[in-house]
């Protein structure tokens, strides 16, 4: 199955790609070029992919505990090497 990935920003350090996953939900990835590091943007697509109606819904339900734990609500989350979402490539 071919994935629908689209580069929306690129610099010398990283590339930001939107790819449709999970019933055509757009997820935004930041792929660092000089590091083995990929991040996933915490936005409406992310919130819907993990079972919330929107980012606002997710923040309303878990935002306070996240802020208490981290001290802030993150914009990006690092994908671990074994994460199934980590298979997006640079091409």
PDB file of N, CA and C in Angstrom:
ATOM      1  N   UNK A   1       0.831  -1.180   0.000  1.00  0.00           N
ATOM      2  CA  UNK A   1       0.000   0.000   0.000  1.00  0.00           C
ATOM      3  C   UNK A   1       0.879   1.248   0.000  1.00  0.00           C
ATOM      4  N   UNK A   2       0.661   2.121  -0.955  1.00  0.00           N
ATOM      5  CA  UNK A   2       1.434   3.348  -1.056  1.00  0.00           C
ATOM      6  C   UNK A   2       0.908   4.379  -0.064  1.00  0.00           C
ATOM      7  N   UNK A   3       1.804   5.002   0.627  1.00  0.00           N
ATOM      8  CA  UNK A   3       1.422   6.037   1.587  1.00  0.00           C
ATOM      9  C   UNK A   3       1.447   7.388   0.900  1.00  0.00           C
ATOM     10  N   UNK A   4       0.609   8.269   1.396  1.00  0.00           N
ATOM     11  CA  UNK A   4       0.495   9.611   0.856  1.00  0.00           C
ATOM     12  C   UNK A   4       1.283  10.563   1.730  1.00  0.00           C
ATOM     13  N   UNK A   5       2.590  10.685   1.500  1.00  0.00           N
ATOM     14  CA  UNK A   5       3.445  11.568   2.298  1.00  0.00           C
ATOM     15  C   UNK A   5       3.768  12.817   1.486  1.00  0.00           C
ATOM     16  N   UNK A   6       3.716  13.968   2.166  1.00  0.00           N
ATOM     17  CA  UNK A   6       3.985  15.231   1.491  1.00  0.00           C
ATOM     18  C   UNK A   6       4.919  16.068   2.353  1.00  0.00           C
ATOM     19  N   UNK A   7       6.024  16.515   1.771  1.00  0.00           N
ATOM     20  CA  UNK A   7       6.946  17.408   2.471  1.00  0.00           C
ATOM     21  C   UNK A   7       6.327  18.803   2.509  1.00  0.00           C
ATOM     22  N   UNK A   8       6.214  19.365   3.722  1.00  0.00           N
ATOM     23  CA  UNK A   8       5.640  20.707   3.846  1.00  0.00           C
ATOM     24  C   UNK A   8       6.675  21.761   4.245  1.00  0.00           C
ATOM     25  N   UNK A   9       7.841  21.303   4.708  1.00  0.00           N
ATOM     26  CA  UNK A   9       8.925  22.223   5.060  1.00  0.00           C
ATOM     27  C   UNK A   9      10.228  21.431   5.039  1.00  0.00           C
ATOM     28  N   UNK A  10      11.294  22.094   4.580  1.00  0.00           N
ATOM     29  CA  UNK A  10      12.597  21.428   4.603  1.00  0.00           C
ATOM     30  C   UNK A  10      13.688  22.469   4.804  1.00  0.00           C
ATOM     31  N   UNK A  11      14.594  22.142   5.717  1.00  0.00           N
ATOM     32  CA  UNK A  11      15.762  22.983   5.956  1.00  0.00           C
ATOM     33  C   UNK A  11      16.995  22.092   5.830  1.00  0.00           C
ATOM     34  N   UNK A  12      18.150  22.646   6.075  1.00  0.00           N
ATOM     35  CA  UNK A  12      19.364  21.835   6.036  1.00  0.00           C
ATOM     36  C   UNK A  12      19.434  20.877   7.218  1.00  0.00           C
ATOM     37  N   UNK A  13      18.641  21.131   8.267  1.00  0.00           N
ATOM     38  CA  UNK A  13      18.688  20.310   9.475  1.00  0.00           C
ATOM     39  C   UNK A  13      17.563  19.283   9.572  1.00  0.00           C
ATOM     40  N   UNK A  14      16.393  19.562   9.017  1.00  0.00           N
ATOM     41  CA  UNK A  14      15.259  18.645   9.157  1.00  0.00           C
ATOM     42  C   UNK A  14      14.299  18.785   7.984  1.00  0.00           C
ATOM     43  N   UNK A  15      13.389  17.836   7.946  1.00  0.00           N
ATOM     44  CA  UNK A  15      12.323  17.811   6.948  1.00  0.00           C
ATOM     45  C   UNK A  15      11.022  17.545   7.699  1.00  0.00           C
ATOM     46  N   UNK A  16       9.968  18.306   7.399  1.00  0.00           N
ATOM     47  CA  UNK A  16       8.661  18.067   8.006  1.00  0.00           C
ATOM     48  C   UNK A  16       7.743  17.483   6.938  1.00  0.00           C
ATOM     49  N   UNK A  17       7.172  16.325   7.272  1.00  0.00           N
ATOM     50  CA  UNK A  17       6.371  15.555   6.323  1.00  0.00           C
ATOM     51  C   UNK A  17       5.003  15.285   6.952  1.00  0.00           C
ATOM     52  N   UNK A  18       3.949  15.422   6.161  1.00  0.00           N
ATOM     53  CA  UNK A  18       2.609  15.025   6.585  1.00  0.00           C
ATOM     54  C   UNK A  18       2.279  13.741   5.835  1.00  0.00           C
ATOM     55  N   UNK A  19       1.874  12.740   6.582  1.00  0.00           N
ATOM     56  CA  UNK A  19       1.542  11.444   5.999  1.00  0.00           C
ATOM     57  C   UNK A  19       0.208  10.967   6.552  1.00  0.00           C
ATOM     58  N   UNK A  20      -0.653  10.487   5.676  1.00  0.00           N
ATOM     59  CA  UNK A  20      -1.952   9.980   6.111  1.00  0.00           C
ATOM     60  C   UNK A  20      -1.803   8.562   6.631  1.00  0.00           C
ATOM     61  N   UNK A  21      -2.280   8.337   7.840  1.00  0.00           N
ATOM     62  CA  UNK A  21      -2.238   7.028   8.491  1.00  0.00           C
ATOM     63  C   UNK A  21      -3.567   6.795   9.185  1.00  0.00           C
ATOM     64  N   UNK A  22      -3.810   5.581   9.637  1.00  0.00           N
ATOM     65  CA  UNK A  22      -4.975   5.266  10.478  1.00  0.00           C
ATOM     66  C   UNK A  22      -6.271   5.882   9.933  1.00  0.00           C
ATOM     67  N   UNK A  23      -6.836   5.251   8.945  1.00  0.00           N
ATOM     68  CA  UNK A  23      -8.092   5.744   8.348  1.00  0.00           C
ATOM     69  C   UNK A  23      -7.946   7.159   7.818  1.00  0.00           C
ATOM     70  N   UNK A  24      -6.825   7.426   7.181  1.00  0.00           N
ATOM     71  CA  UNK A  24      -6.579   8.689   6.493  1.00  0.00           C
ATOM     72  C   UNK A  24      -6.440   9.887   7.432  1.00  0.00           C
ATOM     73  N   UNK A  25      -5.933   9.670   8.633  1.00  0.00           N
ATOM     74  CA  UNK A  25      -5.668  10.761   9.576  1.00  0.00           C
ATOM     75  C   UNK A  25      -4.278  11.322   9.264  1.00  0.00           C
ATOM     76  N   UNK A  26      -4.176  12.626   8.999  1.00  0.00           N
ATOM     77  CA  UNK A  26      -2.856  13.203   8.707  1.00  0.00           C
ATOM     78  C   UNK A  26      -2.016  13.345   9.976  1.00  0.00           C
ATOM     79  N   UNK A  27      -0.816  12.786   9.936  1.00  0.00           N
ATOM     80  CA  UNK A  27       0.144  12.925  11.035  1.00  0.00           C
ATOM     81  C   UNK A  27       1.351  13.687  10.511  1.00  0.00           C
ATOM     82  N   UNK A  28       1.913  14.551  11.355  1.00  0.00           N
ATOM     83  CA  UNK A  28       3.034  15.397  10.961  1.00  0.00           C
ATOM     84  C   UNK A  28       4.300  14.906  11.651  1.00  0.00           C
ATOM     85  N   UNK A  29       5.324  14.606  10.844  1.00  0.00           N
ATOM     86  CA  UNK A  29       6.599  14.089  11.334  1.00  0.00           C
ATOM     87  C   UNK A  29       7.709  15.089  11.056  1.00  0.00           C
ATOM     88  N   UNK A  30       8.630  15.245  12.000  1.00  0.00           N
ATOM     89  CA  UNK A  30       9.860  16.014  11.789  1.00  0.00           C
ATOM     90  C   UNK A  30      10.992  14.993  11.757  1.00  0.00           C
ATOM     91  N   UNK A  31      11.696  14.958  10.642  1.00  0.00           N
ATOM     92  CA  UNK A  31      12.776  13.996  10.450  1.00  0.00           C
ATOM     93  C   UNK A  31      14.092  14.775  10.413  1.00  0.00           C
ATOM     94  N   UNK A  32      14.908  14.555  11.429  1.00  0.00           N
ATOM     95  CA  UNK A  32      16.193  15.253  11.525  1.00  0.00           C
ATOM     96  C   UNK A  32      17.192  14.581  10.606  1.00  0.00           C
ATOM     97  N   UNK A  33      17.923  15.362   9.831  1.00  0.00           N
ATOM     98  CA  UNK A  33      18.809  14.816   8.798  1.00  0.00           C
ATOM     99  C   UNK A  33      20.147  14.316   9.339  1.00  0.00           C
ATOM    100  N   UNK A  34      20.728  14.974  10.322  1.00  0.00           N
ATOM    101  CA  UNK A  34      22.053  14.603  10.806  1.00  0.00           C
ATOM    102  C   UNK A  34      22.007  13.777  12.082  1.00  0.00           C
ATOM    103  N   UNK A  35      20.823  13.339  12.454  1.00  0.00           N
ATOM    104  CA  UNK A  35      20.648  12.544  13.670  1.00  0.00           C
ATOM    105  C   UNK A  35      19.692  11.414  13.341  1.00  0.00           C
ATOM    106  N   UNK A  36      19.736  10.371  14.109  1.00  0.00           N
ATOM    107  CA  UNK A  36      18.761   9.303  13.960  1.00  0.00           C
ATOM    108  C   UNK A  36      17.566   9.631  14.860  1.00  0.00           C
ATOM    109  N   UNK A  37      16.844  10.702  14.499  1.00  0.00           N
ATOM    110  CA  UNK A  37      15.778  11.207  15.348  1.00  0.00           C
ATOM    111  C   UNK A  37      14.576  11.585  14.497  1.00  0.00           C
ATOM    112  N   UNK A  38      13.413  11.098  14.923  1.00  0.00           N
ATOM    113  CA  UNK A  38      12.154  11.468  14.294  1.00  0.00           C
ATOM    114  C   UNK A  38      11.193  11.883  15.393  1.00  0.00           C
ATOM    115  N   UNK A  39      10.423  12.934  15.107  1.00  0.00           N
ATOM    116  CA  UNK A  39       9.445  13.433  16.067  1.00  0.00           C
ATOM    117  C   UNK A  39       8.068  13.437  15.421  1.00  0.00           C
ATOM    118  N   UNK A  40       7.052  13.343  16.247  1.00  0.00           N
ATOM    119  CA  UNK A  40       5.669  13.375  15.810  1.00  0.00           C
ATOM    120  C   UNK A  40       5.008  14.591  16.445  1.00  0.00           C
ATOM    121  N   UNK A  41       4.367  15.420  15.633  1.00  0.00           N
ATOM    122  CA  UNK A  41       3.732  16.636  16.149  1.00  0.00           C
ATOM    123  C   UNK A  41       2.461  16.278  16.902  1.00  0.00           C
ATOM    124  N   UNK A  42       2.300  16.901  18.050  1.00  0.00           N
ATOM    125  CA  UNK A  42       1.097  16.701  18.863  1.00  0.00           C
ATOM    126  C   UNK A  42       0.085  17.758  18.411  1.00  0.00           C
ATOM    127  N   UNK A  43      -0.797  17.326  17.507  1.00  0.00           N
ATOM    128  CA  UNK A  43      -1.792  18.210  16.919  1.00  0.00           C
ATOM    129  C   UNK A  43      -3.124  17.466  16.813  1.00  0.00           C
ATOM    130  N   UNK A  44      -4.072  18.004  16.057  1.00  0.00           N
ATOM    131  CA  UNK A  44      -5.376  17.346  15.918  1.00  0.00           C
ATOM    132  C   UNK A  44      -5.253  15.937  15.361  1.00  0.00           C
ATOM    133  N   UNK A  45      -4.378  15.741  14.364  1.00  0.00           N
ATOM    134  CA  UNK A  45      -4.196  14.409  13.791  1.00  0.00           C
ATOM    135  C   UNK A  45      -3.690  13.418  14.826  1.00  0.00           C
ATOM    136  N   UNK A  46      -2.698  13.818  15.607  1.00  0.00           N
ATOM    137  CA  UNK A  46      -2.175  12.963  16.671  1.00  0.00           C
ATOM    138  C   UNK A  46      -3.275  12.622  17.670  1.00  0.00           C
ATOM    139  N   UNK A  47      -4.016  13.646  18.102  1.00  0.00           N
ATOM    140  CA  UNK A  47      -5.078  13.433  19.089  1.00  0.00           C
ATOM    141  C   UNK A  47      -6.126  12.456  18.558  1.00  0.00           C
ATOM    142  N   UNK A  48      -6.523  12.612  17.308  1.00  0.00           N
ATOM    143  CA  UNK A  48      -7.513  11.696  16.722  1.00  0.00           C
ATOM    144  C   UNK A  48      -6.947  10.287  16.602  1.00  0.00           C
ATOM    145  N   UNK A  49      -5.673  10.170  16.257  1.00  0.00           N
ATOM    146  CA  UNK A  49      -5.057   8.840  16.098  1.00  0.00           C
ATOM    147  C   UNK A  49      -4.998   8.074  17.418  1.00  0.00           C
ATOM    148  N   UNK A  50      -4.948   8.787  18.537  1.00  0.00           N
ATOM    149  CA  UNK A  50      -4.887   8.111  19.840  1.00  0.00           C
ATOM    150  C   UNK A  50      -6.240   8.110  20.555  1.00  0.00           C
ATOM    151  N   UNK A  51      -7.313   8.463  19.825  1.00  0.00           N
ATOM    152  CA  UNK A  51      -8.653   8.259  20.351  1.00  0.00           C
ATOM    153  C   UNK A  51      -9.411   9.470  20.857  1.00  0.00           C
ATOM    154  N   UNK A  52      -8.857  10.660  20.710  1.00  0.00           N
ATOM    155  CA  UNK A  52      -9.564  11.872  21.126  1.00  0.00           C
ATOM    156  C   UNK A  52     -10.252  12.493  19.914  1.00  0.00           C
ATOM    157  N   UNK A  53     -11.170  13.396  20.145  1.00  0.00           N
ATOM    158  CA  UNK A  53     -11.878  14.061  19.047  1.00  0.00           C
ATOM    159  C   UNK A  53     -11.043  15.161  18.392  1.00  0.00           C
ATOM    160  N   UNK A  54     -10.156  15.758  19.161  1.00  0.00           N
ATOM    161  CA  UNK A  54      -9.340  16.870  18.673  1.00  0.00           C
ATOM    162  C   UNK A  54      -8.222  17.119  19.685  1.00  0.00           C
ATOM    163  N   UNK A  55      -7.311  18.026  19.337  1.00  0.00           N
ATOM    164  CA  UNK A  55      -6.257  18.416  20.277  1.00  0.00           C
ATOM    165  C   UNK A  55      -6.872  19.098  21.497  1.00  0.00           C
ATOM    166  N   UNK A  56      -7.882  19.927  21.286  1.00  0.00           N
ATOM    167  CA  UNK A  56      -8.556  20.577  22.413  1.00  0.00           C
ATOM    168  C   UNK A  56      -9.160  19.540  23.351  1.00  0.00           C
ATOM    169  N   UNK A  57      -9.814  18.533  22.780  1.00  0.00           N
ATOM    170  CA  UNK A  57     -10.403  17.460  23.583  1.00  0.00           C
ATOM    171  C   UNK A  57      -9.319  16.746  24.388  1.00  0.00           C
ATOM    172  N   UNK A  58      -8.188  16.458  23.756  1.00  0.00           N
ATOM    173  CA  UNK A  58      -7.090  15.781  24.447  1.00  0.00           C
ATOM    174  C   UNK A  58      -6.546  16.653  25.575  1.00  0.00           C
ATOM    175  N   UNK A  59      -6.340  17.945  25.299  1.00  0.00           N
ATOM    176  CA  UNK A  59      -5.832  18.852  26.336  1.00  0.00           C
ATOM    177  C   UNK A  59      -6.817  18.974  27.490  1.00  0.00           C
ATOM    178  N   UNK A  60      -8.124  19.026  27.157  1.00  0.00           N
ATOM    179  CA  UNK A  60      -9.143  19.115  28.208  1.00  0.00           C
ATOM    180  C   UNK A  60      -9.116  17.885  29.109  1.00  0.00           C
ATOM    181  N   UNK A  61      -8.825  16.717  28.533  1.00  0.00           N
ATOM    182  CA  UNK A  61      -8.890  15.473  29.295  1.00  0.00           C
ATOM    183  C   UNK A  61      -7.569  15.076  29.955  1.00  0.00           C
ATOM    184  N   UNK A  62      -6.438  15.344  29.313  1.00  0.00           N
ATOM    185  CA  UNK A  62      -5.157  14.905  29.893  1.00  0.00           C
ATOM    186  C   UNK A  62      -4.116  16.026  29.993  1.00  0.00           C
ATOM    187  N   UNK A  63      -4.476  17.207  29.539  1.00  0.00           N
ATOM    188  CA  UNK A  63      -3.516  18.307  29.524  1.00  0.00           C
ATOM    189  C   UNK A  63      -2.994  18.688  30.887  1.00  0.00           C
ATOM    190  N   UNK A  64      -3.877  18.752  31.880  1.00  0.00           N
ATOM    191  CA  UNK A  64      -3.457  19.157  33.222  1.00  0.00           C
ATOM    192  C   UNK A  64      -2.452  18.176  33.812  1.00  0.00           C
ATOM    193  N   UNK A  65      -2.707  16.871  33.656  1.00  0.00           N
ATOM    194  CA  UNK A  65      -1.774  15.879  34.196  1.00  0.00           C
ATOM    195  C   UNK A  65      -0.452  15.893  33.422  1.00  0.00           C
ATOM    196  N   UNK A  66      -0.509  16.157  32.118  1.00  0.00           N
ATOM    197  CA  UNK A  66       0.719  16.252  31.316  1.00  0.00           C
ATOM    198  C   UNK A  66       1.545  17.449  31.776  1.00  0.00           C
ATOM    199  N   UNK A  67       0.901  18.570  31.971  1.00  0.00           N
ATOM    200  CA  UNK A  67       1.605  19.772  32.418  1.00  0.00           C
ATOM    201  C   UNK A  67       2.202  19.562  33.806  1.00  0.00           C
ATOM    202  N   UNK A  68       1.450  18.897  34.696  1.00  0.00           N
ATOM    203  CA  UNK A  68       1.990  18.611  36.029  1.00  0.00           C
ATOM    204  C   UNK A  68       3.211  17.700  35.937  1.00  0.00           C
ATOM    205  N   UNK A  69       3.171  16.730  35.036  1.00  0.00           N
ATOM    206  CA  UNK A  69       4.265  15.772  34.897  1.00  0.00           C
ATOM    207  C   UNK A  69       5.499  16.394  34.228  1.00  0.00           C
ATOM    208  N   UNK A  70       5.286  17.114  33.120  1.00  0.00           N
ATOM    209  CA  UNK A  70       6.407  17.650  32.346  1.00  0.00           C
ATOM    210  C   UNK A  70       6.724  19.114  32.645  1.00  0.00           C
ATOM    211  N   UNK A  71       5.741  19.830  33.156  1.00  0.00           N
ATOM    212  CA  UNK A  71       5.904  21.261  33.365  1.00  0.00           C
ATOM    213  C   UNK A  71       5.385  22.089  32.199  1.00  0.00           C
ATOM    214  N   UNK A  72       4.959  21.444  31.132  1.00  0.00           N
ATOM    215  CA  UNK A  72       4.436  22.124  29.941  1.00  0.00           C
ATOM    216  C   UNK A  72       3.674  21.095  29.103  1.00  0.00           C
ATOM    217  N   UNK A  73       2.941  21.573  28.094  1.00  0.00           N
ATOM    218  CA  UNK A  73       2.291  20.655  27.150  1.00  0.00           C
ATOM    219  C   UNK A  73       3.142  20.667  25.885  1.00  0.00           C
ATOM    220  N   UNK A  74       3.726  19.520  25.511  1.00  0.00           N
ATOM    221  CA  UNK A  74       4.677  19.498  24.391  1.00  0.00           C
ATOM    222  C   UNK A  74       4.013  19.698  23.031  1.00  0.00           C
ATOM    223  N   UNK A  75       4.792  20.254  22.100  1.00  0.00           N
ATOM    224  CA  UNK A  75       4.339  20.412  20.716  1.00  0.00           C
ATOM    225  C   UNK A  75       4.743  19.198  19.877  1.00  0.00           C
ATOM    226  N   UNK A  76       5.859  18.539  20.232  1.00  0.00           N
ATOM    227  CA  UNK A  76       6.372  17.370  19.511  1.00  0.00           C
ATOM    228  C   UNK A  76       6.706  16.276  20.515  1.00  0.00           C
ATOM    229  N   UNK A  77       6.643  15.026  20.065  1.00  0.00           N
ATOM    230  CA  UNK A  77       7.094  13.902  20.877  1.00  0.00           C
ATOM    231  C   UNK A  77       8.100  13.090  20.065  1.00  0.00           C
ATOM    232  N   UNK A  78       9.136  12.608  20.721  1.00  0.00           N
ATOM    233  CA  UNK A  78      10.176  11.824  20.045  1.00  0.00           C
ATOM    234  C   UNK A  78       9.671  10.408  19.818  1.00  0.00           C
ATOM    235  N   UNK A  79       9.877   9.910  18.607  1.00  0.00           N
ATOM    236  CA  UNK A  79       9.532   8.530  18.295  1.00  0.00           C
ATOM    237  C   UNK A  79      10.716   7.638  18.644  1.00  0.00           C
ATOM    238  N   UNK A  80      10.478   6.658  19.476  1.00  0.00           N
ATOM    239  CA  UNK A  80      11.522   5.704  19.833  1.00  0.00           C
ATOM    240  C   UNK A  80      11.818   4.827  18.628  1.00  0.00           C
ATOM    241  N   UNK A  81      12.999   4.243  18.594  1.00  0.00           N
ATOM    242  CA  UNK A  81      13.434   3.436  17.454  1.00  0.00           C
ATOM    243  C   UNK A  81      12.455   2.306  17.123  1.00  0.00           C
ATOM    244  N   UNK A  82      11.888   1.670  18.130  1.00  0.00           N
ATOM    245  CA  UNK A  82      10.998   0.532  17.897  1.00  0.00           C
ATOM    246  C   UNK A  82       9.536   0.934  17.683  1.00  0.00           C
ATOM    247  N   UNK A  83       9.226   2.226  17.710  1.00  0.00           N
ATOM    248  CA  UNK A  83       7.849   2.678  17.514  1.00  0.00           C
ATOM    249  C   UNK A  83       7.408   2.354  16.086  1.00  0.00           C
ATOM    250  N   UNK A  84       6.224   1.758  15.909  1.00  0.00           N
ATOM    251  CA  UNK A  84       5.764   1.436  14.558  1.00  0.00           C
ATOM    252  C   UNK A  84       5.597   2.657  13.659  1.00  0.00           C
ATOM    253  N   UNK A  85       5.412   3.828  14.228  1.00  0.00           N
ATOM    254  CA  UNK A  85       5.309   5.046  13.419  1.00  0.00           C
ATOM    255  C   UNK A  85       6.669   5.541  12.951  1.00  0.00           C
ATOM    256  N   UNK A  86       7.737   4.947  13.431  1.00  0.00           N
ATOM    257  CA  UNK A  86       9.077   5.400  13.122  1.00  0.00           C
ATOM    258  C   UNK A  86       9.571   4.908  11.754  1.00  0.00           C
ATOM    259  N   UNK A  87       8.735   4.268  10.963  1.00  0.00           N
ATOM    260  CA  UNK A  87       9.197   3.719   9.683  1.00  0.00           C
ATOM    261  C   UNK A  87       9.050   4.681   8.518  1.00  0.00           C
ATOM    262  N   UNK A  88       8.731   5.937   8.776  1.00  0.00           N
ATOM    263  CA  UNK A  88       8.680   6.910   7.693  1.00  0.00           C
ATOM    264  C   UNK A  88      10.118   7.237   7.276  1.00  0.00           C
ATOM    265  N   UNK A  89      10.344   7.390   5.991  1.00  0.00           N
ATOM    266  CA  UNK A  89      11.705   7.616   5.496  1.00  0.00           C
ATOM    267  C   UNK A  89      11.962   9.052   5.079  1.00  0.00           C
ATOM    268  N   UNK A  90      13.159   9.306   4.644  1.00  0.00           N
ATOM    269  CA  UNK A  90      13.537  10.637   4.209  1.00  0.00           C
ATOM    270  C   UNK A  90      13.177  10.925   2.756  1.00  0.00           C
ATOM    271  N   UNK A  91      12.827   9.923   2.005  1.00  0.00           N
ATOM    272  CA  UNK A  91      12.560  10.125   0.583  1.00  0.00           C
ATOM    273  C   UNK A  91      11.146  10.541   0.313  1.00  0.00           C
TER     274      UNK A  91
END
